[in-house]
Amino acid sequence: MAGVKVLLFGPLRDVAGWRERWVEPAPASLSALRATLAREDAALGLALNGKGVKAAIDKAIAAGDPRLLPGAEVAFLPPMSGG
């Protein structure tokens, strides 16, 4: 598989209208993936770059702008709140 699996949670899913999809070919980095998704859906692009939105790559929270390997799973997580 040459792409990356993208998962959206909470309000990010609501903005996009989807929860899971493949992006092919795999973007080279997390920032390239965000840019690809923003080109397709400006509202989602804004939401993904919102304050507190985190990305997890293969179930580990990502820091910086890591490279993406084909077949990776990238989950975008909305800001968490709680009490």
N, C-alpha and C. Protein backbone atom coordinates (compact mmCIF):
# COMPACT_ATOMS: atom_id res chain seq x y z
N MET A 1 0.84 -1.18 0.00
CA MET A 1 0.00 0.00 0.00
C MET A 1 0.88 1.23 0.00
N ALA A 2 0.53 2.18 -0.85
CA ALA A 2 1.40 3.35 -1.05
C ALA A 2 0.91 4.59 -0.32
N GLY A 3 -0.24 4.50 0.32
CA GLY A 3 -0.79 5.68 0.97
C GLY A 3 -0.68 5.63 2.47
N VAL A 4 -1.34 6.60 3.10
CA VAL A 4 -1.45 6.63 4.56
C VAL A 4 -2.92 6.63 4.93
N LYS A 5 -3.23 5.97 6.03
CA LYS A 5 -4.60 5.92 6.54
C LYS A 5 -4.77 7.11 7.48
N VAL A 6 -5.82 7.89 7.24
CA VAL A 6 -6.10 9.07 8.07
C VAL A 6 -7.38 8.82 8.86
N LEU A 7 -7.32 9.08 10.16
CA LEU A 7 -8.47 8.97 11.04
C LEU A 7 -8.75 10.34 11.65
N LEU A 8 -10.01 10.72 11.70
CA LEU A 8 -10.43 11.96 12.33
C LEU A 8 -11.36 11.66 13.49
N PHE A 9 -11.23 12.41 14.57
CA PHE A 9 -12.06 12.19 15.74
C PHE A 9 -12.79 13.47 16.14
N GLY A 10 -13.92 13.28 16.83
CA GLY A 10 -14.69 14.39 17.41
C GLY A 10 -15.10 15.42 16.38
N PRO A 11 -14.93 16.71 16.72
CA PRO A 11 -15.37 17.77 15.82
C PRO A 11 -14.62 17.78 14.49
N LEU A 12 -13.42 17.24 14.44
CA LEU A 12 -12.69 17.18 13.16
C LEU A 12 -13.44 16.28 12.18
N ARG A 13 -13.96 15.17 12.68
CA ARG A 13 -14.77 14.26 11.86
C ARG A 13 -16.02 14.97 11.36
N ASP A 14 -16.62 15.77 12.24
CA ASP A 14 -17.85 16.48 11.86
C ASP A 14 -17.57 17.51 10.77
N VAL A 15 -16.45 18.22 10.86
CA VAL A 15 -16.09 19.21 9.85
C VAL A 15 -15.88 18.55 8.50
N ALA A 16 -15.17 17.42 8.48
CA ALA A 16 -14.82 16.75 7.23
C ALA A 16 -15.98 15.96 6.64
N GLY A 17 -16.84 15.43 7.51
CA GLY A 17 -17.92 14.57 7.03
C GLY A 17 -17.47 13.13 6.80
N TRP A 18 -16.30 12.78 7.27
CA TRP A 18 -15.80 11.41 7.18
C TRP A 18 -14.93 11.12 8.40
N ARG A 19 -14.76 9.85 8.71
CA ARG A 19 -13.97 9.44 9.87
C ARG A 19 -12.64 8.81 9.47
N GLU A 20 -12.63 8.11 8.36
CA GLU A 20 -11.45 7.33 7.96
C GLU A 20 -11.34 7.33 6.45
N ARG A 21 -10.11 7.51 5.96
CA ARG A 21 -9.87 7.38 4.52
C ARG A 21 -8.38 7.21 4.27
N TRP A 22 -8.06 6.79 3.06
CA TRP A 22 -6.68 6.64 2.63
C TRP A 22 -6.31 7.83 1.76
N VAL A 23 -5.11 8.35 1.95
CA VAL A 23 -4.57 9.41 1.10
C VAL A 23 -3.41 8.78 0.33
N GLU A 24 -3.53 8.81 -0.99
CA GLU A 24 -2.51 8.20 -1.85
C GLU A 24 -2.09 9.19 -2.92
N PRO A 25 -0.79 9.20 -3.24
CA PRO A 25 0.30 8.49 -2.58
C PRO A 25 0.56 9.09 -1.21
N ALA A 26 1.35 8.40 -0.41
CA ALA A 26 1.65 8.87 0.95
C ALA A 26 2.41 10.20 0.88
N PRO A 27 1.89 11.24 1.55
CA PRO A 27 2.67 12.48 1.64
C PRO A 27 3.97 12.20 2.39
N ALA A 28 4.99 13.01 2.12
CA ALA A 28 6.32 12.78 2.69
C ALA A 28 6.39 13.07 4.18
N SER A 29 5.53 13.97 4.67
CA SER A 29 5.63 14.39 6.07
C SER A 29 4.24 14.73 6.61
N LEU A 30 4.18 14.94 7.91
CA LEU A 30 2.92 15.32 8.53
C LEU A 30 2.43 16.66 7.99
N SER A 31 3.33 17.62 7.82
CA SER A 31 2.90 18.93 7.29
C SER A 31 2.40 18.79 5.85
N ALA A 32 3.00 17.90 5.06
CA ALA A 32 2.54 17.68 3.69
C ALA A 32 1.15 17.04 3.69
N LEU A 33 0.89 16.15 4.64
CA LEU A 33 -0.44 15.55 4.75
C LEU A 33 -1.47 16.62 5.10
N ARG A 34 -1.15 17.47 6.08
CA ARG A 34 -2.08 18.55 6.44
C ARG A 34 -2.36 19.44 5.23
N ALA A 35 -1.32 19.76 4.46
CA ALA A 35 -1.48 20.61 3.27
C ALA A 35 -2.37 19.93 2.23
N THR A 36 -2.18 18.63 2.03
CA THR A 36 -3.00 17.88 1.08
C THR A 36 -4.47 17.92 1.49
N LEU A 37 -4.73 17.67 2.77
CA LEU A 37 -6.11 17.68 3.25
C LEU A 37 -6.70 19.08 3.17
N ALA A 38 -5.91 20.12 3.43
CA ALA A 38 -6.39 21.50 3.35
C ALA A 38 -6.72 21.91 1.92
N ARG A 39 -5.94 21.43 0.96
CA ARG A 39 -6.25 21.73 -0.45
C ARG A 39 -7.59 21.13 -0.86
N GLU A 40 -7.89 19.96 -0.31
CA GLU A 40 -9.15 19.29 -0.64
C GLU A 40 -10.34 19.89 0.09
N ASP A 41 -10.11 20.42 1.31
CA ASP A 41 -11.20 20.92 2.16
C ASP A 41 -10.64 22.02 3.06
N ALA A 42 -10.89 23.28 2.67
CA ALA A 42 -10.32 24.41 3.40
C ALA A 42 -10.76 24.44 4.86
N ALA A 43 -12.03 24.10 5.14
CA ALA A 43 -12.53 24.11 6.51
C ALA A 43 -11.80 23.06 7.35
N LEU A 44 -11.55 21.89 6.77
CA LEU A 44 -10.80 20.87 7.48
C LEU A 44 -9.36 21.32 7.71
N GLY A 45 -8.77 21.96 6.72
CA GLY A 45 -7.42 22.47 6.87
C GLY A 45 -7.30 23.42 8.04
N LEU A 46 -8.26 24.33 8.16
CA LEU A 46 -8.27 25.27 9.29
C LEU A 46 -8.42 24.51 10.60
N ALA A 47 -9.32 23.55 10.63
CA ALA A 47 -9.56 22.78 11.85
C ALA A 47 -8.32 21.99 12.26
N LEU A 48 -7.62 21.39 11.30
CA LEU A 48 -6.44 20.59 11.62
C LEU A 48 -5.29 21.44 12.17
N ASN A 49 -5.27 22.71 11.80
CA ASN A 49 -4.22 23.61 12.28
C ASN A 49 -4.68 24.41 13.49
N GLY A 50 -5.83 24.05 14.05
CA GLY A 50 -6.37 24.75 15.21
C GLY A 50 -5.56 24.47 16.47
N LYS A 51 -5.72 25.35 17.43
CA LYS A 51 -5.01 25.23 18.70
C LYS A 51 -5.39 23.92 19.41
N GLY A 52 -4.38 23.20 19.84
CA GLY A 52 -4.61 22.00 20.62
C GLY A 52 -4.82 20.73 19.83
N VAL A 53 -4.91 20.81 18.49
CA VAL A 53 -5.09 19.60 17.68
C VAL A 53 -3.76 18.85 17.65
N LYS A 54 -3.81 17.57 17.98
CA LYS A 54 -2.63 16.71 17.99
C LYS A 54 -2.74 15.68 16.88
N ALA A 55 -1.60 15.17 16.47
CA ALA A 55 -1.56 14.08 15.51
C ALA A 55 -0.83 12.91 16.14
N ALA A 56 -1.35 11.72 15.91
CA ALA A 56 -0.69 10.49 16.35
C ALA A 56 -0.35 9.67 15.10
N ILE A 57 0.88 9.21 15.04
CA ILE A 57 1.31 8.38 13.93
C ILE A 57 1.54 6.98 14.48
N ASP A 58 0.81 6.04 13.93
CA ASP A 58 0.86 4.65 14.40
C ASP A 58 0.71 4.59 15.92
N LYS A 59 -0.26 5.32 16.42
CA LYS A 59 -0.70 5.33 17.82
C LYS A 59 0.27 6.01 18.79
N ALA A 60 1.22 6.79 18.29
CA ALA A 60 2.14 7.55 19.14
C ALA A 60 2.01 9.03 18.79
N ILE A 61 1.81 9.88 19.79
CA ILE A 61 1.68 11.32 19.55
C ILE A 61 2.93 11.82 18.83
N ALA A 62 2.72 12.56 17.76
CA ALA A 62 3.82 13.06 16.94
C ALA A 62 4.27 14.43 17.45
N ALA A 63 5.56 14.65 17.37
CA ALA A 63 6.14 15.95 17.69
C ALA A 63 6.87 16.46 16.46
N GLY A 64 6.79 17.75 16.22
CA GLY A 64 7.47 18.32 15.07
C GLY A 64 6.79 17.94 13.78
N ASP A 65 7.60 17.67 12.76
CA ASP A 65 7.09 17.34 11.43
C ASP A 65 7.72 16.04 10.94
N PRO A 66 7.30 14.91 11.53
CA PRO A 66 7.93 13.64 11.16
C PRO A 66 7.60 13.20 9.74
N ARG A 67 8.50 12.40 9.20
CA ARG A 67 8.27 11.78 7.89
C ARG A 67 7.16 10.74 8.03
N LEU A 68 6.44 10.54 6.95
CA LEU A 68 5.39 9.51 6.92
C LEU A 68 5.83 8.40 5.98
N LEU A 69 5.70 7.18 6.44
CA LEU A 69 6.01 6.03 5.60
C LEU A 69 4.72 5.48 5.02
N PRO A 70 4.77 4.93 3.81
CA PRO A 70 3.58 4.30 3.24
C PRO A 70 3.02 3.26 4.21
N GLY A 71 1.70 3.26 4.35
CA GLY A 71 1.02 2.33 5.25
C GLY A 71 0.84 2.86 6.66
N ALA A 72 1.39 4.04 6.94
CA ALA A 72 1.25 4.61 8.28
C ALA A 72 -0.21 4.96 8.55
N GLU A 73 -0.56 4.97 9.83
CA GLU A 73 -1.88 5.42 10.28
C GLU A 73 -1.68 6.75 11.01
N VAL A 74 -2.38 7.79 10.53
CA VAL A 74 -2.28 9.11 11.13
C VAL A 74 -3.66 9.49 11.67
N ALA A 75 -3.73 9.69 12.97
CA ALA A 75 -4.97 10.09 13.62
C ALA A 75 -4.85 11.54 14.06
N PHE A 76 -5.83 12.34 13.71
CA PHE A 76 -5.88 13.72 14.18
C PHE A 76 -6.87 13.79 15.33
N LEU A 77 -6.39 14.33 16.45
CA LEU A 77 -7.15 14.33 17.70
C LEU A 77 -7.49 15.76 18.08
N PRO A 78 -8.76 16.05 18.37
CA PRO A 78 -9.14 17.39 18.77
C PRO A 78 -8.61 17.70 20.18
N PRO A 79 -8.60 18.97 20.55
CA PRO A 79 -8.19 19.31 21.92
C PRO A 79 -9.05 18.55 22.92
N MET A 80 -8.41 18.08 23.95
CA MET A 80 -9.14 17.34 25.00
C MET A 80 -9.57 18.30 26.10
N SER A 81 -10.72 18.04 26.63
CA SER A 81 -11.19 18.81 27.78
C SER A 81 -11.73 17.82 28.79
N GLY A 82 -11.78 18.24 29.99
CA GLY A 82 -12.29 17.32 31.01
C GLY A 82 -12.23 17.98 32.37
N GLY A 83 -12.64 17.24 33.34
CA GLY A 83 -12.65 17.83 34.66
C GLY A 83 -12.17 16.86 35.70
